[in-house]
């Protein structure tokens, strides 16, 4: 399962829960790799298939454009993932990074499908999408919260991204609206786990406090 976001669709809540409870869901056969991961999400993943020294916002944020360090960290992370697959034999691996919500066709040294196809028999791509207006206001509030420069208004290129993933994994792209009235139980954790990790749902339902990257009002 490749969860690609996009940003501001509850990705922090989902990734934090998966990271903090990785040992428990592994007992159910789901591996959310955390060893040698630089963050709670898998921002390192593009280093496995993109052209060397390609400019990526994700790499600028975390690695200050040091591609070699970015790539070396990926190799350590990926080696740990493969060792965990060999050790635990999970039936499902879950990878999550909102930085994956982009069209990589012009910057890939090998296709994403070929890269992941070396390791996985099938790939399901999961994306949550948000209506442009509330998405922008949430993004704007996040920029105000972090003191980051506000750029010109521009909608996400959702169609281009989904078409790219559909070309890589035909018929395997699952698209869900990020809207409380349409999410199962009105909650991103409940929605994702109901659809993709149903065995862990009782633990989700027992949560009293849910982690979130809350924007300013």
Protein backbone atom coordinates (compact mmCIF):
# COMPACT_ATOMS: atom_id res chain seq x y z
CA UNK A 1 0.00 0.00 0.00
CA UNK A 2 1.49 3.31 -1.11
CA UNK A 3 -0.27 6.22 0.62
CA UNK A 4 0.64 9.44 -1.21
CA UNK A 5 -1.40 12.03 0.68
CA UNK A 6 -1.84 14.72 -0.53
CA UNK A 7 -0.71 17.22 2.10
CA UNK A 8 -3.32 18.69 4.49
CA UNK A 9 -5.47 15.55 4.32
CA UNK A 10 -4.65 14.16 7.76
CA UNK A 11 -1.29 12.71 6.70
CA UNK A 12 0.39 13.66 10.00
CA UNK A 13 -2.27 11.88 12.07
CA UNK A 14 -2.07 8.76 9.96
CA UNK A 15 1.72 8.60 9.79
CA UNK A 16 2.18 9.35 13.48
CA UNK A 17 -0.18 6.57 14.47
CA UNK A 18 1.42 4.05 12.09
CA UNK A 19 4.90 5.01 13.32
CA UNK A 20 4.06 4.85 17.01
CA UNK A 21 2.16 1.56 16.67
CA UNK A 22 4.30 -0.14 14.02
CA UNK A 23 5.15 -3.07 16.33
CA UNK A 24 1.47 -3.78 17.04
CA UNK A 25 0.31 -3.70 13.44
CA UNK A 26 3.30 -5.85 12.45
CA UNK A 27 1.82 -8.61 14.63
CA UNK A 28 -1.22 -8.41 12.33
CA UNK A 29 0.96 -8.83 9.23
CA UNK A 30 1.31 -5.16 8.23
CA UNK A 31 4.80 -3.69 8.07
CA UNK A 32 5.10 0.08 8.40
CA UNK A 33 8.91 0.47 8.13
CA UNK A 34 10.44 2.74 10.74
CA UNK A 35 14.07 1.58 11.03
CA UNK A 36 16.51 4.14 9.61
CA UNK A 37 13.62 6.35 8.50
CA UNK A 38 14.52 10.03 8.79
CA UNK A 39 10.93 10.96 9.65
CA UNK A 40 7.66 9.34 10.65
CA UNK A 41 6.80 9.29 6.96
CA UNK A 42 8.84 7.92 4.05
CA UNK A 43 10.21 11.12 2.52
CA UNK A 44 13.25 9.10 1.42
CA UNK A 45 11.30 6.98 -1.07
CA UNK A 46 11.89 9.08 -4.25
CA UNK A 47 15.67 8.58 -3.89
CA UNK A 48 15.15 5.01 -5.03
CA UNK A 49 14.06 5.89 -8.55
CA UNK A 50 14.59 9.58 -9.44
CA UNK A 51 17.44 11.00 -11.50
CA UNK A 52 20.44 12.02 -9.40
CA UNK A 53 20.52 15.67 -8.29
CA UNK A 54 16.93 16.29 -9.33
CA UNK A 55 15.48 19.19 -7.34
CA UNK A 56 12.72 18.12 -4.97
CA UNK A 57 10.99 20.26 -2.36
CA UNK A 58 11.09 17.31 0.04
CA UNK A 59 14.85 17.03 -0.27
CA UNK A 60 15.35 20.78 0.16
CA UNK A 61 13.29 20.75 3.36
CA UNK A 62 15.09 17.85 5.03
CA UNK A 63 18.52 17.60 3.37
CA UNK A 64 19.30 21.14 2.16
CA UNK A 65 19.82 19.79 -1.37
CA UNK A 66 22.52 17.30 -0.32
CA UNK A 67 21.50 14.54 -2.73
CA UNK A 68 24.30 12.19 -1.69
CA UNK A 69 23.19 12.20 1.95
CA UNK A 70 19.57 11.87 0.84
CA UNK A 71 20.45 8.85 -1.31
CA UNK A 72 22.63 7.23 1.36
CA UNK A 73 19.89 7.57 3.95
CA UNK A 74 17.48 5.98 1.50
CA UNK A 75 19.81 3.02 0.98
CA UNK A 76 20.04 2.42 4.74
CA UNK A 77 16.27 2.74 5.11
CA UNK A 78 15.53 0.44 2.19
CA UNK A 79 18.03 -2.18 3.35
CA UNK A 80 16.32 -2.23 6.76
CA UNK A 81 12.91 -2.57 5.10
CA UNK A 82 14.07 -5.58 3.06
CA UNK A 83 15.59 -7.20 6.15
CA UNK A 84 12.31 -6.73 8.04
CA UNK A 85 10.37 -8.29 5.16
CA UNK A 86 12.70 -11.29 5.26
CA UNK A 87 12.51 -11.53 9.06
CA UNK A 88 8.79 -11.02 9.64
CA UNK A 89 7.21 -12.09 6.30
CA UNK A 90 4.41 -9.49 6.41
CA UNK A 91 1.57 -9.92 3.93
CA UNK A 92 1.39 -6.13 3.42
CA UNK A 93 3.90 -3.28 3.50
CA UNK A 94 2.56 0.25 4.04
CA UNK A 95 4.56 3.24 2.76
CA UNK A 96 3.34 6.80 3.29
CA UNK A 97 4.67 10.15 2.12
CA UNK A 98 2.72 13.20 0.94
CA UNK A 99 5.90 14.15 -0.95
CA UNK A 100 5.00 11.30 -3.32
CA UNK A 101 1.96 13.26 -4.52
CA UNK A 102 3.50 14.42 -7.79
CA UNK A 103 4.09 13.33 -11.38
CA UNK A 104 7.55 11.75 -11.43
CA UNK A 105 7.52 10.83 -15.11
CA UNK A 106 9.99 13.55 -16.14
CA UNK A 107 12.51 12.97 -13.36
CA UNK A 108 12.66 9.17 -13.05
CA UNK A 109 15.75 7.15 -13.98
CA UNK A 110 13.51 4.06 -13.82
CA UNK A 111 9.75 4.08 -13.59
CA UNK A 112 8.15 3.90 -10.16
CA UNK A 113 6.28 0.78 -11.27
CA UNK A 114 9.54 -0.95 -12.22
CA UNK A 115 11.24 0.15 -9.01
CA UNK A 116 8.50 -1.12 -6.70
CA UNK A 117 7.89 -4.13 -8.94
CA UNK A 118 11.31 -5.47 -7.99
CA UNK A 119 10.07 -6.01 -4.45
CA UNK A 120 6.26 -6.22 -4.39
CA UNK A 121 3.85 -8.46 -6.27
CA UNK A 122 1.17 -5.75 -6.38
CA UNK A 123 0.83 -2.11 -5.37
CA UNK A 124 -2.28 -0.24 -4.26
CA UNK A 125 -1.95 3.55 -4.39
CA UNK A 126 -4.11 5.41 -1.87
CA UNK A 127 -4.77 9.14 -2.21
CA UNK A 128 -7.04 11.49 -0.30
CA UNK A 129 -7.95 14.70 -2.10
CA UNK A 130 -9.41 17.90 -0.74
CA UNK A 131 -11.58 20.52 -2.38
CA UNK A 132 -9.32 23.38 -3.62
CA UNK A 133 -10.71 26.23 -1.48
CA UNK A 134 -10.48 24.56 1.97
CA UNK A 135 -7.19 22.99 0.89
CA UNK A 136 -5.73 26.42 0.14
CA UNK A 137 -6.96 27.98 3.39
CA UNK A 138 -5.49 25.09 5.37
CA UNK A 139 -2.20 25.47 3.51
CA UNK A 140 -2.26 29.24 4.14
CA UNK A 141 -2.87 28.70 7.87
CA UNK A 142 0.01 26.23 7.99
CA UNK A 143 2.31 28.80 6.37
CA UNK A 144 1.26 31.40 8.92
CA UNK A 145 1.87 28.92 11.73
CA UNK A 146 5.41 28.10 10.56
CA UNK A 147 6.35 31.59 9.40
CA UNK A 148 6.89 30.40 5.83
CA UNK A 149 6.57 32.74 2.86
CA UNK A 150 3.14 32.65 1.26
CA UNK A 151 3.19 31.96 -2.47
CA UNK A 152 0.62 32.90 -5.09
CA UNK A 153 -2.66 31.00 -5.08
CA UNK A 154 -2.48 27.88 -7.22
CA UNK A 155 -4.54 24.67 -7.08
CA UNK A 156 -2.83 21.33 -6.71
CA UNK A 157 -2.31 19.44 -9.96
CA UNK A 158 -4.47 16.59 -8.76
CA UNK A 159 -5.55 15.28 -12.16
CA UNK A 160 -1.97 15.12 -13.49
CA UNK A 161 -0.79 13.21 -10.42
CA UNK A 162 -3.65 10.71 -10.48
CA UNK A 163 -3.21 10.13 -14.20
CA UNK A 164 0.51 9.50 -13.63
CA UNK A 165 -0.17 6.90 -10.94
CA UNK A 166 -2.91 5.30 -13.01
CA UNK A 167 -0.38 4.91 -15.85
CA UNK A 168 2.05 3.25 -13.43
CA UNK A 169 -0.47 1.02 -11.61
CA UNK A 170 -3.56 0.68 -13.84
CA UNK A 171 -6.74 0.03 -11.91
CA UNK A 172 -4.92 0.12 -8.56
CA UNK A 173 -5.35 3.79 -7.61
CA UNK A 174 -7.85 4.35 -4.80
CA UNK A 175 -9.09 7.93 -4.54
CA UNK A 176 -11.00 9.17 -1.47
CA UNK A 177 -12.43 12.60 -0.63
CA UNK A 178 -10.99 14.30 2.44
CA UNK A 179 -14.22 15.62 3.84
CA UNK A 180 -15.57 14.85 7.30
CA UNK A 181 -19.04 14.13 5.91
CA UNK A 182 -17.61 11.54 3.51
CA UNK A 183 -14.82 9.97 5.59
CA UNK A 184 -15.90 6.81 7.39
CA UNK A 185 -16.81 7.88 10.94
CA UNK A 186 -15.72 11.39 9.89
CA UNK A 187 -12.09 10.59 10.69
CA UNK A 188 -8.97 9.92 8.56
CA UNK A 189 -7.61 7.17 10.84
CA UNK A 190 -10.92 5.35 10.97
CA UNK A 191 -11.37 5.73 7.22
CA UNK A 192 -7.90 4.47 6.24
CA UNK A 193 -7.85 1.57 8.70
CA UNK A 194 -11.42 0.50 7.84
CA UNK A 195 -10.45 0.25 4.20
CA UNK A 196 -6.88 -1.06 4.37
CA UNK A 197 -5.98 -2.35 7.87
CA UNK A 198 -9.34 -3.55 9.23
CA UNK A 199 -7.79 -5.90 11.82
CA UNK A 200 -6.38 -2.88 13.69
CA UNK A 201 -9.65 -0.95 13.74
CA UNK A 202 -10.57 -1.74 17.39
CA UNK A 203 -7.40 0.01 18.58
CA UNK A 204 -8.25 3.07 16.46
CA UNK A 205 -11.77 3.23 17.86
CA UNK A 206 -10.37 3.15 21.42
CA UNK A 207 -8.23 6.26 20.88
CA UNK A 208 -9.24 9.24 23.00
CA UNK A 209 -6.71 11.74 21.62
CA UNK A 210 -5.69 11.75 17.97
CA UNK A 211 -2.43 13.37 16.88
CA UNK A 212 -2.77 16.05 14.24
CA UNK A 213 -0.80 18.79 12.51
CA UNK A 214 -3.37 21.43 13.46
CA UNK A 215 -3.40 24.67 11.50
CA UNK A 216 -4.11 28.07 13.02
CA UNK A 217 -7.80 29.03 13.08
